[in-house]
């Protein structure tokens, strides 16, 4: 069962993803089509979603803190790999396109 806190986070993630995908759509409409743009935007459209983990019942003290640190580390790595890097690559591409347009 999803509690109010988890459900709220899921809704926020869904809204953020919607805004991201709408922005990608605008980029695809405004920029000239190219194989590189298609590859970069396709990668973002295929973003993976991670399951929000919850601690096992009964974890306390140092065990709970160790679980939290490990879960945080895994989530951070997931976000970097699945969101940060693909978006950064697209932004770099957009920057190059803007620079070329100014010449």
PDB file of N, CA and C in Angstrom:
ATOM      1  N   UNK A   1       0.839  -1.182   0.000  1.00  0.00           N
ATOM      2  CA  UNK A   1       0.000   0.000   0.000  1.00  0.00           C
ATOM      3  C   UNK A   1       0.884   1.246   0.000  1.00  0.00           C
ATOM      4  N   UNK A   2       0.468   2.222  -0.727  1.00  0.00           N
ATOM      5  CA  UNK A   2       1.215   3.475  -0.807  1.00  0.00           C
ATOM      6  C   UNK A   2       0.639   4.446   0.198  1.00  0.00           C
ATOM      7  N   UNK A   3       1.496   4.912   1.081  1.00  0.00           N
ATOM      8  CA  UNK A   3       1.053   5.883   2.068  1.00  0.00           C
ATOM      9  C   UNK A   3       0.996   7.266   1.468  1.00  0.00           C
ATOM     10  N   UNK A   4       0.436   8.222   2.183  1.00  0.00           N
ATOM     11  CA  UNK A   4       0.317   9.584   1.660  1.00  0.00           C
ATOM     12  C   UNK A   4       1.656  10.195   1.287  1.00  0.00           C
ATOM     13  N   UNK A   5       2.688   9.907   2.075  1.00  0.00           N
ATOM     14  CA  UNK A   5       3.994  10.490   1.786  1.00  0.00           C
ATOM     15  C   UNK A   5       4.557   9.929   0.488  1.00  0.00           C
ATOM     16  N   UNK A   6       4.523   8.597   0.323  1.00  0.00           N
ATOM     17  CA  UNK A   6       5.027   7.964  -0.883  1.00  0.00           C
ATOM     18  C   UNK A   6       4.174   8.339  -2.081  1.00  0.00           C
ATOM     19  N   UNK A   7       2.868   8.355  -1.917  1.00  0.00           N
ATOM     20  CA  UNK A   7       1.974   8.723  -3.008  1.00  0.00           C
ATOM     21  C   UNK A   7       2.209  10.148  -3.470  1.00  0.00           C
ATOM     22  N   UNK A   8       2.475  11.041  -2.523  1.00  0.00           N
ATOM     23  CA  UNK A   8       2.768  12.426  -2.871  1.00  0.00           C
ATOM     24  C   UNK A   8       4.047  12.544  -3.669  1.00  0.00           C
ATOM     25  N   UNK A   9       5.059  11.779  -3.289  1.00  0.00           N
ATOM     26  CA  UNK A   9       6.319  11.788  -4.029  1.00  0.00           C
ATOM     27  C   UNK A   9       6.120  11.224  -5.427  1.00  0.00           C
ATOM     28  N   UNK A  10       5.330  10.158  -5.529  1.00  0.00           N
ATOM     29  CA  UNK A  10       5.079   9.556  -6.836  1.00  0.00           C
ATOM     30  C   UNK A  10       4.371  10.536  -7.752  1.00  0.00           C
ATOM     31  N   UNK A  11       3.413  11.268  -7.212  1.00  0.00           N
ATOM     32  CA  UNK A  11       2.696  12.265  -8.008  1.00  0.00           C
ATOM     33  C   UNK A  11       3.641  13.381  -8.441  1.00  0.00           C
ATOM     34  N   UNK A  12       4.504  13.807  -7.556  1.00  0.00           N
ATOM     35  CA  UNK A  12       5.470  14.856  -7.889  1.00  0.00           C
ATOM     36  C   UNK A  12       6.423  14.386  -8.982  1.00  0.00           C
ATOM     37  N   UNK A  13       6.890  13.152  -8.884  1.00  0.00           N
ATOM     38  CA  UNK A  13       7.771  12.586  -9.907  1.00  0.00           C
ATOM     39  C   UNK A  13       7.049  12.524 -11.246  1.00  0.00           C
ATOM     40  N   UNK A  14       5.790  12.091 -11.230  1.00  0.00           N
ATOM     41  CA  UNK A  14       5.016  12.004 -12.469  1.00  0.00           C
ATOM     42  C   UNK A  14       4.842  13.384 -13.108  1.00  0.00           C
ATOM     43  N   UNK A  15       4.565  14.397 -12.307  1.00  0.00           N
ATOM     44  CA  UNK A  15       4.405  15.755 -12.839  1.00  0.00           C
ATOM     45  C   UNK A  15       5.727  16.275 -13.413  1.00  0.00           C
ATOM     46  N   UNK A  16       6.827  16.008 -12.718  1.00  0.00           N
ATOM     47  CA  UNK A  16       8.129  16.443 -13.218  1.00  0.00           C
ATOM     48  C   UNK A  16       8.470  15.743 -14.532  1.00  0.00           C
ATOM     49  N   UNK A  17       8.177  14.439 -14.609  1.00  0.00           N
ATOM     50  CA  UNK A  17       8.420  13.707 -15.851  1.00  0.00           C
ATOM     51  C   UNK A  17       7.561  14.261 -16.981  1.00  0.00           C
ATOM     52  N   UNK A  18       6.319  14.611 -16.683  1.00  0.00           N
ATOM     53  CA  UNK A  18       5.445  15.180 -17.705  1.00  0.00           C
ATOM     54  C   UNK A  18       6.047  16.478 -18.248  1.00  0.00           C
ATOM     55  N   UNK A  19       6.497  17.350 -17.355  1.00  0.00           N
ATOM     56  CA  UNK A  19       7.114  18.611 -17.792  1.00  0.00           C
ATOM     57  C   UNK A  19       8.377  18.351 -18.617  1.00  0.00           C
ATOM     58  N   UNK A  20       9.167  17.382 -18.190  1.00  0.00           N
ATOM     59  CA  UNK A  20      10.385  17.032 -18.918  1.00  0.00           C
ATOM     60  C   UNK A  20      10.040  16.565 -20.329  1.00  0.00           C
ATOM     61  N   UNK A  21       9.073  15.661 -20.452  1.00  0.00           N
ATOM     62  CA  UNK A  21       8.720  15.122 -21.761  1.00  0.00           C
ATOM     63  C   UNK A  21       8.082  16.187 -22.653  1.00  0.00           C
ATOM     64  N   UNK A  22       7.319  17.095 -22.061  1.00  0.00           N
ATOM     65  CA  UNK A  22       6.756  18.205 -22.845  1.00  0.00           C
ATOM     66  C   UNK A  22       7.881  19.102 -23.372  1.00  0.00           C
ATOM     67  N   UNK A  23       8.881  19.353 -22.547  1.00  0.00           N
ATOM     68  CA  UNK A  23      10.017  20.170 -22.965  1.00  0.00           C
ATOM     69  C   UNK A  23      10.778  19.478 -24.096  1.00  0.00           C
ATOM     70  N   UNK A  24      10.975  18.179 -23.980  1.00  0.00           N
ATOM     71  CA  UNK A  24      11.649  17.421 -25.043  1.00  0.00           C
ATOM     72  C   UNK A  24      10.848  17.528 -26.340  1.00  0.00           C
ATOM     73  N   UNK A  25       9.526  17.467 -26.246  1.00  0.00           N
ATOM     74  CA  UNK A  25       8.684  17.625 -27.424  1.00  0.00           C
ATOM     75  C   UNK A  25       8.869  18.985 -28.076  1.00  0.00           C
ATOM     76  N   UNK A  26       8.929  20.023 -27.277  1.00  0.00           N
ATOM     77  CA  UNK A  26       9.143  21.379 -27.802  1.00  0.00           C
ATOM     78  C   UNK A  26      10.508  21.464 -28.491  1.00  0.00           C
ATOM     79  N   UNK A  27      11.526  20.881 -27.877  1.00  0.00           N
ATOM     80  CA  UNK A  27      12.868  20.879 -28.471  1.00  0.00           C
ATOM     81  C   UNK A  27      12.827  20.198 -29.832  1.00  0.00           C
ATOM     82  N   UNK A  28      12.137  19.052 -29.912  1.00  0.00           N
ATOM     83  CA  UNK A  28      12.052  18.327 -31.186  1.00  0.00           C
ATOM     84  C   UNK A  28      11.318  19.118 -32.261  1.00  0.00           C
ATOM     85  N   UNK A  29      10.362  19.942 -31.859  1.00  0.00           N
ATOM     86  CA  UNK A  29       9.621  20.748 -32.826  1.00  0.00           C
ATOM     87  C   UNK A  29      10.446  21.949 -33.290  1.00  0.00           C
ATOM     88  N   UNK A  30      11.167  22.576 -32.381  1.00  0.00           N
ATOM     89  CA  UNK A  30      11.862  23.815 -32.697  1.00  0.00           C
ATOM     90  C   UNK A  30      13.208  23.638 -33.395  1.00  0.00           C
ATOM     91  N   UNK A  31      13.881  22.535 -33.130  1.00  0.00           N
ATOM     92  CA  UNK A  31      15.213  22.338 -33.724  1.00  0.00           C
ATOM     93  C   UNK A  31      15.125  21.474 -34.973  1.00  0.00           C
ATOM     94  N   UNK A  32      16.048  21.691 -35.896  1.00  0.00           N
ATOM     95  CA  UNK A  32      16.085  20.833 -37.080  1.00  0.00           C
ATOM     96  C   UNK A  32      16.355  19.380 -36.674  1.00  0.00           C
ATOM     97  N   UNK A  33      15.681  18.479 -37.335  1.00  0.00           N
ATOM     98  CA  UNK A  33      15.868  17.056 -37.037  1.00  0.00           C
ATOM     99  C   UNK A  33      17.285  16.637 -37.402  1.00  0.00           C
ATOM    100  N   UNK A  34      17.855  15.807 -36.548  1.00  0.00           N
ATOM    101  CA  UNK A  34      19.177  15.245 -36.824  1.00  0.00           C
ATOM    102  C   UNK A  34      19.266  13.906 -36.111  1.00  0.00           C
ATOM    103  N   UNK A  35      20.128  13.027 -36.595  1.00  0.00           N
ATOM    104  CA  UNK A  35      20.294  11.738 -35.914  1.00  0.00           C
ATOM    105  C   UNK A  35      20.746  11.905 -34.449  1.00  0.00           C
ATOM    106  N   UNK A  36      21.617  12.885 -34.192  1.00  0.00           N
ATOM    107  CA  UNK A  36      22.104  13.094 -32.820  1.00  0.00           C
ATOM    108  C   UNK A  36      20.988  13.575 -31.901  1.00  0.00           C
ATOM    109  N   UNK A  37      20.189  14.516 -32.370  1.00  0.00           N
ATOM    110  CA  UNK A  37      19.066  14.994 -31.554  1.00  0.00           C
ATOM    111  C   UNK A  37      18.085  13.858 -31.293  1.00  0.00           C
ATOM    112  N   UNK A  38      17.802  13.087 -32.305  1.00  0.00           N
ATOM    113  CA  UNK A  38      16.881  11.955 -32.145  1.00  0.00           C
ATOM    114  C   UNK A  38      17.412  10.961 -31.109  1.00  0.00           C
ATOM    115  N   UNK A  39      18.720  10.665 -31.178  1.00  0.00           N
ATOM    116  CA  UNK A  39      19.339   9.723 -30.222  1.00  0.00           C
ATOM    117  C   UNK A  39      19.272  10.265 -28.795  1.00  0.00           C
ATOM    118  N   UNK A  40      19.595  11.539 -28.631  1.00  0.00           N
ATOM    119  CA  UNK A  40      19.615  12.134 -27.289  1.00  0.00           C
ATOM    120  C   UNK A  40      18.226  12.216 -26.677  1.00  0.00           C
ATOM    121  N   UNK A  41      17.241  12.611 -27.476  1.00  0.00           N
ATOM    122  CA  UNK A  41      15.882  12.716 -26.927  1.00  0.00           C
ATOM    123  C   UNK A  41      15.270  11.335 -26.713  1.00  0.00           C
ATOM    124  N   UNK A  42      15.581  10.398 -27.583  1.00  0.00           N
ATOM    125  CA  UNK A  42      15.066   9.028 -27.415  1.00  0.00           C
ATOM    126  C   UNK A  42      15.567   8.436 -26.097  1.00  0.00           C
ATOM    127  N   UNK A  43      16.813   8.713 -25.753  1.00  0.00           N
ATOM    128  CA  UNK A  43      17.382   8.206 -24.489  1.00  0.00           C
ATOM    129  C   UNK A  43      16.609   8.755 -23.294  1.00  0.00           C
ATOM    130  N   UNK A  44      16.209  10.012 -23.358  1.00  0.00           N
ATOM    131  CA  UNK A  44      15.473  10.603 -22.246  1.00  0.00           C
ATOM    132  C   UNK A  44      14.054  10.052 -22.194  1.00  0.00           C
ATOM    133  N   UNK A  45      13.440   9.839 -23.342  1.00  0.00           N
ATOM    134  CA  UNK A  45      12.092   9.264 -23.351  1.00  0.00           C
ATOM    135  C   UNK A  45      12.072   7.863 -22.733  1.00  0.00           C
ATOM    136  N   UNK A  46      13.217   7.191 -22.741  1.00  0.00           N
ATOM    137  CA  UNK A  46      13.281   5.839 -22.181  1.00  0.00           C
ATOM    138  C   UNK A  46      13.873   5.807 -20.775  1.00  0.00           C
ATOM    139  N   UNK A  47      13.725   6.888 -20.037  1.00  0.00           N
ATOM    140  CA  UNK A  47      14.231   6.927 -18.665  1.00  0.00           C
ATOM    141  C   UNK A  47      13.612   5.806 -17.844  1.00  0.00           C
ATOM    142  N   UNK A  48      14.423   5.214 -17.034  1.00  0.00           N
ATOM    143  CA  UNK A  48      13.934   4.174 -16.127  1.00  0.00           C
ATOM    144  C   UNK A  48      13.406   4.839 -14.862  1.00  0.00           C
ATOM    145  N   UNK A  49      12.515   4.161 -14.207  1.00  0.00           N
ATOM    146  CA  UNK A  49      11.967   4.645 -12.937  1.00  0.00           C
ATOM    147  C   UNK A  49      12.364   3.636 -11.873  1.00  0.00           C
ATOM    148  N   UNK A  50      12.852   4.134 -10.773  1.00  0.00           N
ATOM    149  CA  UNK A  50      13.266   3.258  -9.693  1.00  0.00           C
ATOM    150  C   UNK A  50      12.141   3.095  -8.685  1.00  0.00           C
ATOM    151  N   UNK A  51      12.160   1.988  -8.017  1.00  0.00           N
ATOM    152  CA  UNK A  51      11.192   1.736  -6.956  1.00  0.00           C
ATOM    153  C   UNK A  51      11.669   2.458  -5.699  1.00  0.00           C
ATOM    154  N   UNK A  52      10.757   3.123  -5.036  1.00  0.00           N
ATOM    155  CA  UNK A  52      11.095   3.784  -3.777  1.00  0.00           C
ATOM    156  C   UNK A  52      11.179   2.711  -2.704  1.00  0.00           C
ATOM    157  N   UNK A  53      12.356   2.588  -2.121  1.00  0.00           N
ATOM    158  CA  UNK A  53      12.573   1.558  -1.115  1.00  0.00           C
ATOM    159  C   UNK A  53      12.103   2.001   0.263  1.00  0.00           C
ATOM    160  N   UNK A  54      11.669   1.039   1.041  1.00  0.00           N
ATOM    161  CA  UNK A  54      11.355   1.295   2.442  1.00  0.00           C
ATOM    162  C   UNK A  54      12.190   0.345   3.286  1.00  0.00           C
ATOM    163  N   UNK A  55      12.533   0.797   4.458  1.00  0.00           N
ATOM    164  CA  UNK A  55      13.359  -0.014   5.351  1.00  0.00           C
ATOM    165  C   UNK A  55      12.568  -1.230   5.828  1.00  0.00           C
ATOM    166  N   UNK A  56      13.300  -2.303   6.069  1.00  0.00           N
ATOM    167  CA  UNK A  56      12.672  -3.504   6.608  1.00  0.00           C
ATOM    168  C   UNK A  56      12.165  -3.210   8.010  1.00  0.00           C
ATOM    169  N   UNK A  57      11.001  -3.714   8.338  1.00  0.00           N
ATOM    170  CA  UNK A  57      10.488  -3.501   9.706  1.00  0.00           C
ATOM    171  C   UNK A  57      11.477  -4.022  10.748  1.00  0.00           C
ATOM    172  N   UNK A  58      11.614  -3.280  11.793  1.00  0.00           N
ATOM    173  CA  UNK A  58      12.459  -3.710  12.896  1.00  0.00           C
ATOM    174  C   UNK A  58      13.882  -3.177  12.848  1.00  0.00           C
ATOM    175  N   UNK A  59      14.301  -2.556  11.750  1.00  0.00           N
ATOM    176  CA  UNK A  59      15.651  -1.991  11.714  1.00  0.00           C
ATOM    177  C   UNK A  59      15.716  -0.792  12.654  1.00  0.00           C
ATOM    178  N   UNK A  60      16.781  -0.753  13.434  1.00  0.00           N
ATOM    179  CA  UNK A  60      16.943   0.338  14.396  1.00  0.00           C
ATOM    180  C   UNK A  60      18.395   0.752  14.480  1.00  0.00           C
ATOM    181  N   UNK A  61      18.603   1.935  14.967  1.00  0.00           N
ATOM    182  CA  UNK A  61      19.943   2.423  15.280  1.00  0.00           C
ATOM    183  C   UNK A  61      20.904   2.355  14.117  1.00  0.00           C
ATOM    184  N   UNK A  62      22.060   1.735  14.366  1.00  0.00           N
ATOM    185  CA  UNK A  62      23.133   1.670  13.372  1.00  0.00           C
ATOM    186  C   UNK A  62      22.704   0.892  12.130  1.00  0.00           C
ATOM    187  N   UNK A  63      21.904  -0.154  12.323  1.00  0.00           N
ATOM    188  CA  UNK A  63      21.436  -0.933  11.169  1.00  0.00           C
ATOM    189  C   UNK A  63      20.542  -0.088  10.265  1.00  0.00           C
ATOM    190  N   UNK A  64      19.673   0.691  10.859  1.00  0.00           N
ATOM    191  CA  UNK A  64      18.793   1.563  10.084  1.00  0.00           C
ATOM    192  C   UNK A  64      19.607   2.641   9.373  1.00  0.00           C
ATOM    193  N   UNK A  65      20.587   3.202  10.057  1.00  0.00           N
ATOM    194  CA  UNK A  65      21.433   4.233   9.447  1.00  0.00           C
ATOM    195  C   UNK A  65      22.242   3.644   8.294  1.00  0.00           C
ATOM    196  N   UNK A  66      22.772   2.430   8.456  1.00  0.00           N
ATOM    197  CA  UNK A  66      23.526   1.781   7.378  1.00  0.00           C
ATOM    198  C   UNK A  66      22.614   1.522   6.178  1.00  0.00           C
ATOM    199  N   UNK A  67      21.389   1.076   6.436  1.00  0.00           N
ATOM    200  CA  UNK A  67      20.431   0.856   5.343  1.00  0.00           C
ATOM    201  C   UNK A  67      20.142   2.181   4.629  1.00  0.00           C
ATOM    202  N   UNK A  68      19.908   3.240   5.401  1.00  0.00           N
ATOM    203  CA  UNK A  68      19.598   4.543   4.823  1.00  0.00           C
ATOM    204  C   UNK A  68      20.741   5.045   3.947  1.00  0.00           C
ATOM    205  N   UNK A  69      21.967   4.923   4.437  1.00  0.00           N
ATOM    206  CA  UNK A  69      23.126   5.383   3.670  1.00  0.00           C
ATOM    207  C   UNK A  69      23.273   4.589   2.376  1.00  0.00           C
ATOM    208  N   UNK A  70      23.076   3.287   2.451  1.00  0.00           N
ATOM    209  CA  UNK A  70      23.178   2.442   1.261  1.00  0.00           C
ATOM    210  C   UNK A  70      22.069   2.770   0.260  1.00  0.00           C
ATOM    211  N   UNK A  71      20.840   2.930   0.748  1.00  0.00           N
ATOM    212  CA  UNK A  71      19.713   3.254  -0.128  1.00  0.00           C
ATOM    213  C   UNK A  71      19.935   4.617  -0.791  1.00  0.00           C
ATOM    214  N   UNK A  72      20.434   5.570  -0.042  1.00  0.00           N
ATOM    215  CA  UNK A  72      20.712   6.901  -0.585  1.00  0.00           C
ATOM    216  C   UNK A  72      21.778   6.827  -1.672  1.00  0.00           C
ATOM    217  N   UNK A  73      22.836   6.058  -1.426  1.00  0.00           N
ATOM    218  CA  UNK A  73      23.914   5.912  -2.400  1.00  0.00           C
ATOM    219  C   UNK A  73      23.402   5.278  -3.691  1.00  0.00           C
ATOM    220  N   UNK A  74      22.600   4.222  -3.577  1.00  0.00           N
ATOM    221  CA  UNK A  74      22.050   3.561  -4.766  1.00  0.00           C
ATOM    222  C   UNK A  74      21.118   4.505  -5.525  1.00  0.00           C
ATOM    223  N   UNK A  75      20.290   5.252  -4.806  1.00  0.00           N
ATOM    224  CA  UNK A  75      19.367   6.191  -5.455  1.00  0.00           C
ATOM    225  C   UNK A  75      20.141   7.305  -6.157  1.00  0.00           C
ATOM    226  N   UNK A  76      21.181   7.811  -5.530  1.00  0.00           N
ATOM    227  CA  UNK A  76      21.997   8.869  -6.135  1.00  0.00           C
ATOM    228  C   UNK A  76      22.662   8.387  -7.418  1.00  0.00           C
ATOM    229  N   UNK A  77      23.200   7.177  -7.389  1.00  0.00           N
ATOM    230  CA  UNK A  77      23.828   6.612  -8.582  1.00  0.00           C
ATOM    231  C   UNK A  77      22.795   6.415  -9.694  1.00  0.00           C
ATOM    232  N   UNK A  78      21.613   5.946  -9.329  1.00  0.00           N
ATOM    233  CA  UNK A  78      20.549   5.741 -10.306  1.00  0.00           C
ATOM    234  C   UNK A  78      20.164   7.063 -10.964  1.00  0.00           C
ATOM    235  N   UNK A  79      19.952   8.091 -10.169  1.00  0.00           N
ATOM    236  CA  UNK A  79      19.548   9.396 -10.697  1.00  0.00           C
ATOM    237  C   UNK A  79      20.634   9.958 -11.606  1.00  0.00           C
ATOM    238  N   UNK A  80      21.880   9.840 -11.205  1.00  0.00           N
ATOM    239  CA  UNK A  80      22.978  10.351 -12.031  1.00  0.00           C
ATOM    240  C   UNK A  80      23.018   9.635 -13.378  1.00  0.00           C
ATOM    241  N   UNK A  81      22.924   8.317 -13.342  1.00  0.00           N
ATOM    242  CA  UNK A  81      23.021   7.524 -14.576  1.00  0.00           C
ATOM    243  C   UNK A  81      21.807   7.681 -15.474  1.00  0.00           C
ATOM    244  N   UNK A  82      20.624   7.662 -14.898  1.00  0.00           N
ATOM    245  CA  UNK A  82      19.390   7.632 -15.687  1.00  0.00           C
ATOM    246  C   UNK A  82      18.821   9.009 -16.013  1.00  0.00           C
ATOM    247  N   UNK A  83      19.144  10.019 -15.223  1.00  0.00           N
ATOM    248  CA  UNK A  83      18.583  11.346 -15.448  1.00  0.00           C
ATOM    249  C   UNK A  83      19.669  12.373 -15.757  1.00  0.00           C
ATOM    250  N   UNK A  84      20.602  12.550 -14.832  1.00  0.00           N
ATOM    251  CA  UNK A  84      21.583  13.633 -14.968  1.00  0.00           C
ATOM    252  C   UNK A  84      22.403  13.535 -16.256  1.00  0.00           C
ATOM    253  N   UNK A  85      23.007  12.378 -16.505  1.00  0.00           N
ATOM    254  CA  UNK A  85      23.897  12.253 -17.666  1.00  0.00           C
ATOM    255  C   UNK A  85      23.159  12.431 -18.993  1.00  0.00           C
ATOM    256  N   UNK A  86      22.019  11.766 -19.210  1.00  0.00           N
ATOM    257  CA  UNK A  86      21.323  11.980 -20.486  1.00  0.00           C
ATOM    258  C   UNK A  86      20.854  13.423 -20.682  1.00  0.00           C
ATOM    259  N   UNK A  87      20.375  14.050 -19.627  1.00  0.00           N
ATOM    260  CA  UNK A  87      19.917  15.435 -19.741  1.00  0.00           C
ATOM    261  C   UNK A  87      21.108  16.360 -19.983  1.00  0.00           C
ATOM    262  N   UNK A  88      22.209  16.114 -19.313  1.00  0.00           N
ATOM    263  CA  UNK A  88      23.410  16.929 -19.525  1.00  0.00           C
ATOM    264  C   UNK A  88      23.905  16.809 -20.964  1.00  0.00           C
ATOM    265  N   UNK A  89      23.883  15.608 -21.523  1.00  0.00           N
ATOM    266  CA  UNK A  89      24.298  15.425 -22.914  1.00  0.00           C
ATOM    267  C   UNK A  89      23.387  16.211 -23.855  1.00  0.00           C
ATOM    268  N   UNK A  90      22.082  16.184 -23.597  1.00  0.00           N
ATOM    269  CA  UNK A  90      21.151  16.942 -24.432  1.00  0.00           C
ATOM    270  C   UNK A  90      21.403  18.443 -24.294  1.00  0.00           C
ATOM    271  N   UNK A  91      21.626  18.911 -23.082  1.00  0.00           N
ATOM    272  CA  UNK A  91      21.900  20.337 -22.876  1.00  0.00           C
ATOM    273  C   UNK A  91      23.183  20.773 -23.577  1.00  0.00           C
ATOM    274  N   UNK A  92      24.201  19.931 -23.550  1.00  0.00           N
ATOM    275  CA  UNK A  92      25.444  20.241 -24.262  1.00  0.00           C
ATOM    276  C   UNK A  92      25.183  20.354 -25.766  1.00  0.00           C
ATOM    277  N   UNK A  93      24.376  19.443 -26.295  1.00  0.00           N
ATOM    278  CA  UNK A  93      24.011  19.483 -27.712  1.00  0.00           C
ATOM    279  C   UNK A  93      23.266  20.781 -28.029  1.00  0.00           C
ATOM    280  N   UNK A  94      22.298  21.130 -27.185  1.00  0.00           N
ATOM    281  CA  UNK A  94      21.539  22.359 -27.406  1.00  0.00           C
ATOM    282  C   UNK A  94      22.457  23.582 -27.365  1.00  0.00           C
ATOM    283  N   UNK A  95      23.399  23.594 -26.450  1.00  0.00           N
ATOM    284  CA  UNK A  95      24.360  24.695 -26.369  1.00  0.00           C
ATOM    285  C   UNK A  95      25.167  24.821 -27.647  1.00  0.00           C
ATOM    286  N   UNK A  96      25.605  23.688 -28.194  1.00  0.00           N
ATOM    287  CA  UNK A  96      26.355  23.725 -29.456  1.00  0.00           C
ATOM    288  C   UNK A  96      25.485  24.251 -30.591  1.00  0.00           C
ATOM    289  N   UNK A  97      24.223  23.850 -30.608  1.00  0.00           N
ATOM    290  CA  UNK A  97      23.310  24.320 -31.654  1.00  0.00           C
ATOM    291  C   UNK A  97      23.087  25.833 -31.556  1.00  0.00           C
ATOM    292  N   UNK A  98      22.947  26.311 -30.339  1.00  0.00           N
ATOM    293  CA  UNK A  98      22.759  27.754 -30.142  1.00  0.00           C
ATOM    294  C   UNK A  98      24.027  28.507 -30.572  1.00  0.00           C
ATOM    295  N   UNK A  99      25.198  27.983 -30.200  1.00  0.00           N
ATOM    296  CA  UNK A  99      26.441  28.632 -30.589  1.00  0.00           C
ATOM    297  C   UNK A  99      26.584  28.687 -32.111  1.00  0.00           C
ATOM    298  N   UNK A 100      26.217  27.615 -32.793  1.00  0.00           N
ATOM    299  CA  UNK A 100      26.300  27.588 -34.258  1.00  0.00           C
ATOM    300  C   UNK A 100      25.343  28.595 -34.885  1.00  0.00           C
ATOM    301  N   UNK A 101      24.182  28.775 -34.261  1.00  0.00           N
ATOM    302  CA  UNK A 101      23.198  29.711 -34.775  1.00  0.00           C
ATOM    303  C   UNK A 101      23.630  31.160 -34.626  1.00  0.00           C
ATOM    304  N   UNK A 102      24.504  31.439 -33.660  1.00  0.00           N
ATOM    305  CA  UNK A 102      24.967  32.800 -33.415  1.00  0.00           C
ATOM    306  C   UNK A 102      26.102  33.201 -34.339  1.00  0.00           C
ATOM    307  N   UNK A 103      26.674  32.267 -35.042  1.00  0.00           N
ATOM    308  CA  UNK A 103      27.810  32.568 -35.928  1.00  0.00           C
ATOM    309  C   UNK A 103      27.339  33.079 -37.250  1.00  0.00           C
TER     310      UNK A 103
END
